[in-house]
Amino acid sequence: MTRLEDRVREAVNNIVDPETGMTFGEMRLISDLRENESGVVTIDFKPTSPFCPIALKLALDIKSIASKIEGTEKVFVYCHNHAMEETINKIVN
């Protein structure tokens, strides 16, 4: 794991889910996070249900927080296991 991956993972795992009050880390919403090339980070997440009404907001929150980490140049966030994942992924990326 790279240093950038560590910093991004720590930041996104500390995002608080507005419905539960728990952090993304506690809920294990981030299924994968990797630095594909220098400064380019890809984050995969799974919302709590396939019909989570705030999945788009969660994806945008992840991208926003990750983009603020020093060293990130580009962030891709992919939602998985959601009824609208294709649409969410197009909007976010």
PDB file of N, CA and C in Angstrom:
ATOM      1  N   MET A   1       0.853  -1.179   0.000  1.00  0.00           N
ATOM      2  CA  MET A   1       0.000   0.000   0.000  1.00  0.00           C
ATOM      3  C   MET A   1       0.897   1.239   0.000  1.00  0.00           C
ATOM      4  N   THR A   2       0.556   2.200  -0.849  1.00  0.00           N
ATOM      5  CA  THR A   2       1.359   3.422  -0.918  1.00  0.00           C
ATOM      6  C   THR A   2       0.957   4.383   0.195  1.00  0.00           C
ATOM      7  N   ARG A   3       1.797   5.377   0.407  1.00  0.00           N
ATOM      8  CA  ARG A   3       1.496   6.377   1.428  1.00  0.00           C
ATOM      9  C   ARG A   3       0.228   7.152   1.082  1.00  0.00           C
ATOM     10  N   LEU A   4       0.056   7.448  -0.206  1.00  0.00           N
ATOM     11  CA  LEU A   4      -1.153   8.151  -0.626  1.00  0.00           C
ATOM     12  C   LEU A   4      -2.387   7.289  -0.357  1.00  0.00           C
ATOM     13  N   GLU A   5      -2.309   6.013  -0.666  1.00  0.00           N
ATOM     14  CA  GLU A   5      -3.437   5.112  -0.382  1.00  0.00           C
ATOM     15  C   GLU A   5      -3.775   5.127   1.101  1.00  0.00           C
ATOM     16  N   ASP A   6      -2.758   5.099   1.943  1.00  0.00           N
ATOM     17  CA  ASP A   6      -2.980   5.129   3.397  1.00  0.00           C
ATOM     18  C   ASP A   6      -3.704   6.404   3.819  1.00  0.00           C
ATOM     19  N   ARG A   7      -3.267   7.549   3.305  1.00  0.00           N
ATOM     20  CA  ARG A   7      -3.873   8.823   3.687  1.00  0.00           C
ATOM     21  C   ARG A   7      -5.311   8.930   3.183  1.00  0.00           C
ATOM     22  N   VAL A   8      -5.532   8.495   1.948  1.00  0.00           N
ATOM     23  CA  VAL A   8      -6.885   8.553   1.389  1.00  0.00           C
ATOM     24  C   VAL A   8      -7.804   7.597   2.138  1.00  0.00           C
ATOM     25  N   ARG A   9      -7.321   6.374   2.399  1.00  0.00           N
ATOM     26  CA  ARG A   9      -8.138   5.390   3.118  1.00  0.00           C
ATOM     27  C   ARG A   9      -8.537   5.925   4.494  1.00  0.00           C
ATOM     28  N   GLU A  10      -7.589   6.516   5.204  1.00  0.00           N
ATOM     29  CA  GLU A  10      -7.895   7.066   6.525  1.00  0.00           C
ATOM     30  C   GLU A  10      -8.970   8.154   6.430  1.00  0.00           C
ATOM     31  N   ALA A  11      -8.843   9.024   5.436  1.00  0.00           N
ATOM     32  CA  ALA A  11      -9.809  10.123   5.293  1.00  0.00           C
ATOM     33  C   ALA A  11     -11.204   9.614   4.948  1.00  0.00           C
ATOM     34  N   VAL A  12     -11.309   8.719   3.980  1.00  0.00           N
ATOM     35  CA  VAL A  12     -12.648   8.262   3.588  1.00  0.00           C
ATOM     36  C   VAL A  12     -13.258   7.329   4.628  1.00  0.00           C
ATOM     37  N   ASN A  13     -12.432   6.590   5.345  1.00  0.00           N
ATOM     38  CA  ASN A  13     -12.969   5.731   6.400  1.00  0.00           C
ATOM     39  C   ASN A  13     -13.527   6.542   7.564  1.00  0.00           C
ATOM     40  N   ASN A  14     -13.137   7.818   7.659  1.00  0.00           N
ATOM     41  CA  ASN A  14     -13.637   8.674   8.736  1.00  0.00           C
ATOM     42  C   ASN A  14     -14.884   9.471   8.355  1.00  0.00           C
ATOM     43  N   ILE A  15     -15.342   9.327   7.104  1.00  0.00           N
ATOM     44  CA  ILE A  15     -16.599   9.979   6.704  1.00  0.00           C
ATOM     45  C   ILE A  15     -17.731   9.342   7.510  1.00  0.00           C
ATOM     46  N   VAL A  16     -18.634  10.165   8.013  1.00  0.00           N
ATOM     47  CA  VAL A  16     -19.744   9.669   8.832  1.00  0.00           C
ATOM     48  C   VAL A  16     -20.999   9.540   7.961  1.00  0.00           C
ATOM     49  N   ASP A  17     -21.593   8.363   8.007  1.00  0.00           N
ATOM     50  CA  ASP A  17     -22.850   8.113   7.297  1.00  0.00           C
ATOM     51  C   ASP A  17     -23.956   8.903   8.006  1.00  0.00           C
ATOM     52  N   PRO A  18     -24.652   9.781   7.276  1.00  0.00           N
ATOM     53  CA  PRO A  18     -25.661  10.621   7.928  1.00  0.00           C
ATOM     54  C   PRO A  18     -26.864   9.856   8.468  1.00  0.00           C
ATOM     55  N   GLU A  19     -27.128   8.681   7.951  1.00  0.00           N
ATOM     56  CA  GLU A  19     -28.291   7.923   8.426  1.00  0.00           C
ATOM     57  C   GLU A  19     -28.005   7.120   9.690  1.00  0.00           C
ATOM     58  N   THR A  20     -26.776   6.606   9.812  1.00  0.00           N
ATOM     59  CA  THR A  20     -26.469   5.739  10.947  1.00  0.00           C
ATOM     60  C   THR A  20     -25.601   6.410  12.010  1.00  0.00           C
ATOM     61  N   GLY A  21     -24.871   7.454  11.608  1.00  0.00           N
ATOM     62  CA  GLY A  21     -23.936   8.085  12.529  1.00  0.00           C
ATOM     63  C   GLY A  21     -22.628   7.319  12.670  1.00  0.00           C
ATOM     64  N   MET A  22     -22.487   6.251  11.913  1.00  0.00           N
ATOM     65  CA  MET A  22     -21.261   5.444  11.954  1.00  0.00           C
ATOM     66  C   MET A  22     -20.326   5.892  10.826  1.00  0.00           C
ATOM     67  N   THR A  23     -19.026   5.619  11.006  1.00  0.00           N
ATOM     68  CA  THR A  23     -18.077   5.973   9.958  1.00  0.00           C
ATOM     69  C   THR A  23     -18.090   4.913   8.856  1.00  0.00           C
ATOM     70  N   PHE A  24     -17.600   5.311   7.676  1.00  0.00           N
ATOM     71  CA  PHE A  24     -17.511   4.364   6.566  1.00  0.00           C
ATOM     72  C   PHE A  24     -16.607   3.192   6.949  1.00  0.00           C
ATOM     73  N   GLY A  25     -15.566   3.461   7.729  1.00  0.00           N
ATOM     74  CA  GLY A  25     -14.676   2.401   8.192  1.00  0.00           C
ATOM     75  C   GLY A  25     -15.397   1.398   9.079  1.00  0.00           C
ATOM     76  N   GLU A  26     -16.194   1.908  10.007  1.00  0.00           N
ATOM     77  CA  GLU A  26     -16.965   1.028  10.891  1.00  0.00           C
ATOM     78  C   GLU A  26     -17.961   0.190  10.099  1.00  0.00           C
ATOM     79  N   MET A  27     -18.520   0.777   9.054  1.00  0.00           N
ATOM     80  CA  MET A  27     -19.529   0.086   8.259  1.00  0.00           C
ATOM     81  C   MET A  27     -18.911  -0.746   7.128  1.00  0.00           C
ATOM     82  N   ARG A  28     -17.602  -0.598   6.939  1.00  0.00           N
ATOM     83  CA  ARG A  28     -16.869  -1.322   5.887  1.00  0.00           C
ATOM     84  C   ARG A  28     -17.460  -1.073   4.495  1.00  0.00           C
ATOM     85  N   LEU A  29     -17.713   0.191   4.201  1.00  0.00           N
ATOM     86  CA  LEU A  29     -18.291   0.563   2.914  1.00  0.00           C
ATOM     87  C   LEU A  29     -17.246   0.605   1.797  1.00  0.00           C
ATOM     88  N   ILE A  30     -15.982   0.831   2.139  1.00  0.00           N
ATOM     89  CA  ILE A  30     -14.923   0.895   1.139  1.00  0.00           C
ATOM     90  C   ILE A  30     -14.408  -0.525   0.906  1.00  0.00           C
ATOM     91  N   SER A  31     -14.678  -1.058  -0.291  1.00  0.00           N
ATOM     92  CA  SER A  31     -14.275  -2.444  -0.574  1.00  0.00           C
ATOM     93  C   SER A  31     -12.885  -2.529  -1.195  1.00  0.00           C
ATOM     94  N   ASP A  32     -12.431  -1.448  -1.850  1.00  0.00           N
ATOM     95  CA  ASP A  32     -11.089  -1.437  -2.440  1.00  0.00           C
ATOM     96  C   ASP A  32     -10.668   0.010  -2.648  1.00  0.00           C
ATOM     97  N   LEU A  33      -9.383   0.246  -2.489  1.00  0.00           N
ATOM     98  CA  LEU A  33      -8.818   1.568  -2.706  1.00  0.00           C
ATOM     99  C   LEU A  33      -7.396   1.354  -3.188  1.00  0.00           C
ATOM    100  N   ARG A  34      -7.063   1.943  -4.345  1.00  0.00           N
ATOM    101  CA  ARG A  34      -5.731   1.740  -4.886  1.00  0.00           C
ATOM    102  C   ARG A  34      -5.259   2.961  -5.660  1.00  0.00           C
ATOM    103  N   GLU A  35      -3.952   3.158  -5.642  1.00  0.00           N
ATOM    104  CA  GLU A  35      -3.324   4.194  -6.447  1.00  0.00           C
ATOM    105  C   GLU A  35      -2.838   3.515  -7.723  1.00  0.00           C
ATOM    106  N   ASN A  36      -3.536   3.750  -8.829  1.00  0.00           N
ATOM    107  CA  ASN A  36      -3.229   3.073 -10.088  1.00  0.00           C
ATOM    108  C   ASN A  36      -1.951   3.589 -10.725  1.00  0.00           C
ATOM    109  N   GLU A  37      -1.767   4.871 -10.650  1.00  0.00           N
ATOM    110  CA  GLU A  37      -0.543   5.525 -11.090  1.00  0.00           C
ATOM    111  C   GLU A  37      -0.358   6.711 -10.168  1.00  0.00           C
ATOM    112  N   SER A  38       0.763   7.345 -10.233  1.00  0.00           N
ATOM    113  CA  SER A  38       1.071   8.422  -9.298  1.00  0.00           C
ATOM    114  C   SER A  38      -0.039   9.472  -9.245  1.00  0.00           C
ATOM    115  N   GLY A  39      -0.661   9.609  -8.084  1.00  0.00           N
ATOM    116  CA  GLY A  39      -1.693  10.615  -7.867  1.00  0.00           C
ATOM    117  C   GLY A  39      -3.089  10.249  -8.332  1.00  0.00           C
ATOM    118  N   VAL A  40      -3.246   9.091  -8.967  1.00  0.00           N
ATOM    119  CA  VAL A  40      -4.561   8.667  -9.479  1.00  0.00           C
ATOM    120  C   VAL A  40      -5.087   7.539  -8.592  1.00  0.00           C
ATOM    121  N   VAL A  41      -6.191   7.810  -7.916  1.00  0.00           N
ATOM    122  CA  VAL A  41      -6.739   6.876  -6.935  1.00  0.00           C
ATOM    123  C   VAL A  41      -8.111   6.382  -7.405  1.00  0.00           C
ATOM    124  N   THR A  42      -8.328   5.082  -7.264  1.00  0.00           N
ATOM    125  CA  THR A  42      -9.625   4.475  -7.553  1.00  0.00           C
ATOM    126  C   THR A  42     -10.175   3.902  -6.257  1.00  0.00           C
ATOM    127  N   ILE A  43     -11.431   4.227  -5.978  1.00  0.00           N
ATOM    128  CA  ILE A  43     -12.081   3.773  -4.749  1.00  0.00           C
ATOM    129  C   ILE A  43     -13.364   3.045  -5.121  1.00  0.00           C
ATOM    130  N   ASP A  44     -13.517   1.822  -4.621  1.00  0.00           N
ATOM    131  CA  ASP A  44     -14.743   1.050  -4.800  1.00  0.00           C
ATOM    132  C   ASP A  44     -15.485   1.034  -3.471  1.00  0.00           C
ATOM    133  N   PHE A  45     -16.787   1.269  -3.535  1.00  0.00           N
ATOM    134  CA  PHE A  45     -17.572   1.198  -2.296  1.00  0.00           C
ATOM    135  C   PHE A  45     -18.902   0.507  -2.547  1.00  0.00           C
ATOM    136  N   LYS A  46     -19.430  -0.036  -1.472  1.00  0.00           N
ATOM    137  CA  LYS A  46     -20.720  -0.718  -1.513  1.00  0.00           C
ATOM    138  C   LYS A  46     -21.634  -0.059  -0.493  1.00  0.00           C
ATOM    139  N   PRO A  47     -22.728   0.558  -0.956  1.00  0.00           N
ATOM    140  CA  PRO A  47     -23.676   1.127  -0.002  1.00  0.00           C
ATOM    141  C   PRO A  47     -24.315   0.022   0.838  1.00  0.00           C
ATOM    142  N   THR A  48     -24.981   0.418   1.880  1.00  0.00           N
ATOM    143  CA  THR A  48     -25.532  -0.553   2.825  1.00  0.00           C
ATOM    144  C   THR A  48     -26.665  -1.404   2.256  1.00  0.00           C
ATOM    145  N   SER A  49     -27.299  -0.932   1.181  1.00  0.00           N
ATOM    146  CA  SER A  49     -28.344  -1.742   0.554  1.00  0.00           C
ATOM    147  C   SER A  49     -28.384  -1.433  -0.943  1.00  0.00           C
ATOM    148  N   PRO A  50     -28.927  -2.342  -1.743  1.00  0.00           N
ATOM    149  CA  PRO A  50     -28.989  -2.120  -3.184  1.00  0.00           C
ATOM    150  C   PRO A  50     -29.917  -0.972  -3.587  1.00  0.00           C
ATOM    151  N   PHE A  51     -30.696  -0.477  -2.641  1.00  0.00           N
ATOM    152  CA  PHE A  51     -31.614   0.624  -2.918  1.00  0.00           C
ATOM    153  C   PHE A  51     -31.345   1.825  -2.011  1.00  0.00           C
ATOM    154  N   CYS A  52     -30.144   1.921  -1.490  1.00  0.00           N
ATOM    155  CA  CYS A  52     -29.767   3.030  -0.605  1.00  0.00           C
ATOM    156  C   CYS A  52     -30.116   4.359  -1.282  1.00  0.00           C
ATOM    157  N   PRO A  53     -30.966   5.178  -0.653  1.00  0.00           N
ATOM    158  CA  PRO A  53     -31.422   6.410  -1.296  1.00  0.00           C
ATOM    159  C   PRO A  53     -30.346   7.500  -1.386  1.00  0.00           C
ATOM    160  N   ILE A  54     -29.262   7.354  -0.640  1.00  0.00           N
ATOM    161  CA  ILE A  54     -28.225   8.389  -0.664  1.00  0.00           C
ATOM    162  C   ILE A  54     -26.905   7.877  -1.252  1.00  0.00           C
ATOM    163  N   ALA A  55     -26.945   6.830  -2.041  1.00  0.00           N
ATOM    164  CA  ALA A  55     -25.720   6.261  -2.618  1.00  0.00           C
ATOM    165  C   ALA A  55     -24.965   7.287  -3.461  1.00  0.00           C
ATOM    166  N   LEU A  56     -25.677   8.086  -4.235  1.00  0.00           N
ATOM    167  CA  LEU A  56     -25.004   9.111  -5.038  1.00  0.00           C
ATOM    168  C   LEU A  56     -24.313  10.126  -4.132  1.00  0.00           C
ATOM    169  N   LYS A  57     -24.994  10.577  -3.090  1.00  0.00           N
ATOM    170  CA  LYS A  57     -24.391  11.524  -2.150  1.00  0.00           C
ATOM    171  C   LYS A  57     -23.146  10.920  -1.508  1.00  0.00           C
ATOM    172  N   LEU A  58     -23.220   9.654  -1.130  1.00  0.00           N
ATOM    173  CA  LEU A  58     -22.066   8.994  -0.512  1.00  0.00           C
ATOM    174  C   LEU A  58     -20.885   8.954  -1.477  1.00  0.00           C
ATOM    175  N   ALA A  59     -21.151   8.608  -2.729  1.00  0.00           N
ATOM    176  CA  ALA A  59     -20.088   8.545  -3.735  1.00  0.00           C
ATOM    177  C   ALA A  59     -19.455   9.925  -3.937  1.00  0.00           C
ATOM    178  N   LEU A  60     -20.284  10.955  -3.999  1.00  0.00           N
ATOM    179  CA  LEU A  60     -19.764  12.314  -4.164  1.00  0.00           C
ATOM    180  C   LEU A  60     -18.974  12.761  -2.934  1.00  0.00           C
ATOM    181  N   ASP A  61     -19.416  12.373  -1.741  1.00  0.00           N
ATOM    182  CA  ASP A  61     -18.681  12.691  -0.515  1.00  0.00           C
ATOM    183  C   ASP A  61     -17.310  12.017  -0.531  1.00  0.00           C
ATOM    184  N   ILE A  62     -17.269  10.755  -0.928  1.00  0.00           N
ATOM    185  CA  ILE A  62     -15.998  10.022  -1.003  1.00  0.00           C
ATOM    186  C   ILE A  62     -15.051  10.737  -1.966  1.00  0.00           C
ATOM    187  N   LYS A  63     -15.547  11.080  -3.137  1.00  0.00           N
ATOM    188  CA  LYS A  63     -14.703  11.748  -4.139  1.00  0.00           C
ATOM    189  C   LYS A  63     -14.208  13.100  -3.624  1.00  0.00           C
ATOM    190  N   SER A  64     -15.086  13.861  -3.000  1.00  0.00           N
ATOM    191  CA  SER A  64     -14.716  15.177  -2.489  1.00  0.00           C
ATOM    192  C   SER A  64     -13.619  15.081  -1.436  1.00  0.00           C
ATOM    193  N   ILE A  65     -13.796  14.205  -0.471  1.00  0.00           N
ATOM    194  CA  ILE A  65     -12.815  14.055   0.607  1.00  0.00           C
ATOM    195  C   ILE A  65     -11.486  13.544   0.059  1.00  0.00           C
ATOM    196  N   ALA A  66     -11.538  12.520  -0.788  1.00  0.00           N
ATOM    197  CA  ALA A  66     -10.312  11.949  -1.350  1.00  0.00           C
ATOM    198  C   ALA A  66      -9.561  12.967  -2.195  1.00  0.00           C
ATOM    199  N   SER A  67     -10.288  13.808  -2.913  1.00  0.00           N
ATOM    200  CA  SER A  67      -9.661  14.809  -3.786  1.00  0.00           C
ATOM    201  C   SER A  67      -8.909  15.879  -3.006  1.00  0.00           C
ATOM    202  N   LYS A  68      -9.257  16.053  -1.740  1.00  0.00           N
ATOM    203  CA  LYS A  68      -8.618  17.072  -0.907  1.00  0.00           C
ATOM    204  C   LYS A  68      -7.303  16.603  -0.297  1.00  0.00           C
ATOM    205  N   ILE A  69      -7.005  15.325  -0.404  1.00  0.00           N
ATOM    206  CA  ILE A  69      -5.781  14.785   0.185  1.00  0.00           C
ATOM    207  C   ILE A  69      -4.588  15.199  -0.677  1.00  0.00           C
ATOM    208  N   GLU A  70      -3.585  15.755  -0.017  1.00  0.00           N
ATOM    209  CA  GLU A  70      -2.393  16.190  -0.732  1.00  0.00           C
ATOM    210  C   GLU A  70      -1.791  15.025  -1.515  1.00  0.00           C
ATOM    211  N   GLY A  71      -1.521  15.265  -2.781  1.00  0.00           N
ATOM    212  CA  GLY A  71      -0.925  14.237  -3.632  1.00  0.00           C
ATOM    213  C   GLY A  71      -1.908  13.610  -4.601  1.00  0.00           C
ATOM    214  N   THR A  72      -3.218  13.797  -4.351  1.00  0.00           N
ATOM    215  CA  THR A  72      -4.186  13.244  -5.301  1.00  0.00           C
ATOM    216  C   THR A  72      -4.353  14.212  -6.461  1.00  0.00           C
ATOM    217  N   GLU A  73      -4.273  13.666  -7.644  1.00  0.00           N
ATOM    218  CA  GLU A  73      -4.472  14.464  -8.849  1.00  0.00           C
ATOM    219  C   GLU A  73      -5.811  14.135  -9.501  1.00  0.00           C
ATOM    220  N   LYS A  74      -6.231  12.891  -9.366  1.00  0.00           N
ATOM    221  CA  LYS A  74      -7.498  12.451  -9.946  1.00  0.00           C
ATOM    222  C   LYS A  74      -8.052  11.326  -9.082  1.00  0.00           C
ATOM    223  N   VAL A  75      -9.375  11.351  -8.875  1.00  0.00           N
ATOM    224  CA  VAL A  75     -10.025  10.325  -8.060  1.00  0.00           C
ATOM    225  C   VAL A  75     -11.209   9.758  -8.828  1.00  0.00           C
ATOM    226  N   PHE A  76     -11.276   8.446  -8.892  1.00  0.00           N
ATOM    227  CA  PHE A  76     -12.415   7.743  -9.473  1.00  0.00           C
ATOM    228  C   PHE A  76     -13.106   6.979  -8.353  1.00  0.00           C
ATOM    229  N   VAL A  77     -14.420   7.095  -8.278  1.00  0.00           N
ATOM    230  CA  VAL A  77     -15.195   6.385  -7.254  1.00  0.00           C
ATOM    231  C   VAL A  77     -16.237   5.528  -7.964  1.00  0.00           C
ATOM    232  N   TYR A  78     -16.249   4.249  -7.629  1.00  0.00           N
ATOM    233  CA  TYR A  78     -17.188   3.323  -8.254  1.00  0.00           C
ATOM    234  C   TYR A  78     -18.076   2.677  -7.201  1.00  0.00           C
ATOM    235  N   CYS A  79     -19.371   2.814  -7.404  1.00  0.00           N
ATOM    236  CA  CYS A  79     -20.395   2.213  -6.554  1.00  0.00           C
ATOM    237  C   CYS A  79     -20.682   0.804  -7.088  1.00  0.00           C
ATOM    238  N   HIS A  80     -20.812  -0.145  -6.184  1.00  0.00           N
ATOM    239  CA  HIS A  80     -21.114  -1.526  -6.561  1.00  0.00           C
ATOM    240  C   HIS A  80     -22.304  -2.040  -5.753  1.00  0.00           C
ATOM    241  N   ASN A  81     -23.002  -3.019  -6.319  1.00  0.00           N
ATOM    242  CA  ASN A  81     -24.133  -3.668  -5.635  1.00  0.00           C
ATOM    243  C   ASN A  81     -25.266  -2.698  -5.322  1.00  0.00           C
ATOM    244  N   HIS A  82     -25.545  -1.803  -6.252  1.00  0.00           N
ATOM    245  CA  HIS A  82     -26.656  -0.872  -6.094  1.00  0.00           C
ATOM    246  C   HIS A  82     -27.483  -0.888  -7.375  1.00  0.00           C
ATOM    247  N   ALA A  83     -28.773  -0.741  -7.246  1.00  0.00           N
ATOM    248  CA  ALA A  83     -29.671  -0.779  -8.402  1.00  0.00           C
ATOM    249  C   ALA A  83     -29.336   0.295  -9.436  1.00  0.00           C
ATOM    250  N   MET A  84     -28.784   1.399  -9.006  1.00  0.00           N
ATOM    251  CA  MET A  84     -28.471   2.515  -9.910  1.00  0.00           C
ATOM    252  C   MET A  84     -26.966   2.703 -10.092  1.00  0.00           C
ATOM    253  N   GLU A  85     -26.179   1.666  -9.868  1.00  0.00           N
ATOM    254  CA  GLU A  85     -24.722   1.832  -9.868  1.00  0.00           C
ATOM    255  C   GLU A  85     -24.177   2.395 -11.187  1.00  0.00           C
ATOM    256  N   GLU A  86     -24.699   1.969 -12.307  1.00  0.00           N
ATOM    257  CA  GLU A  86     -24.198   2.461 -13.590  1.00  0.00           C
ATOM    258  C   GLU A  86     -24.411   3.972 -13.715  1.00  0.00           C
ATOM    259  N   THR A  87     -25.578   4.448 -13.354  1.00  0.00           N
ATOM    260  CA  THR A  87     -25.888   5.868 -13.404  1.00  0.00           C
ATOM    261  C   THR A  87     -25.034   6.644 -12.405  1.00  0.00           C
ATOM    262  N   ILE A  88     -24.936   6.138 -11.204  1.00  0.00           N
ATOM    263  CA  ILE A  88     -24.121   6.788 -10.169  1.00  0.00           C
ATOM    264  C   ILE A  88     -22.681   6.921 -10.641  1.00  0.00           C
ATOM    265  N   ASN A  89     -22.129   5.852 -11.179  1.00  0.00           N
ATOM    266  CA  ASN A  89     -20.743   5.871 -11.630  1.00  0.00           C
ATOM    267  C   ASN A  89     -20.513   6.857 -12.769  1.00  0.00           C
ATOM    268  N   LYS A  90     -21.489   6.990 -13.660  1.00  0.00           N
ATOM    269  CA  LYS A  90     -21.367   7.970 -14.749  1.00  0.00           C
ATOM    270  C   LYS A  90     -21.389   9.395 -14.208  1.00  0.00           C
ATOM    271  N   ILE A  91     -22.262   9.658 -13.266  1.00  0.00           N
ATOM    272  CA  ILE A  91     -22.369  11.009 -12.705  1.00  0.00           C
ATOM    273  C   ILE A  91     -21.097  11.387 -11.923  1.00  0.00           C
ATOM    274  N   VAL A  92     -20.618  10.470 -11.127  1.00  0.00           N
ATOM    275  CA  VAL A  92     -19.485  10.761 -10.244  1.00  0.00           C
ATOM    276  C   VAL A  92     -18.170  10.870 -11.022  1.00  0.00           C
ATOM    277  N   ASN A  93     -18.049  10.093 -12.070  1.00  0.00           N
ATOM    278  CA  ASN A  93     -16.772  10.063 -12.803  1.00  0.00           C
ATOM    279  C   ASN A  93     -16.879  10.729 -14.147  1.00  0.00           C
TER     280      ASN A  93
END
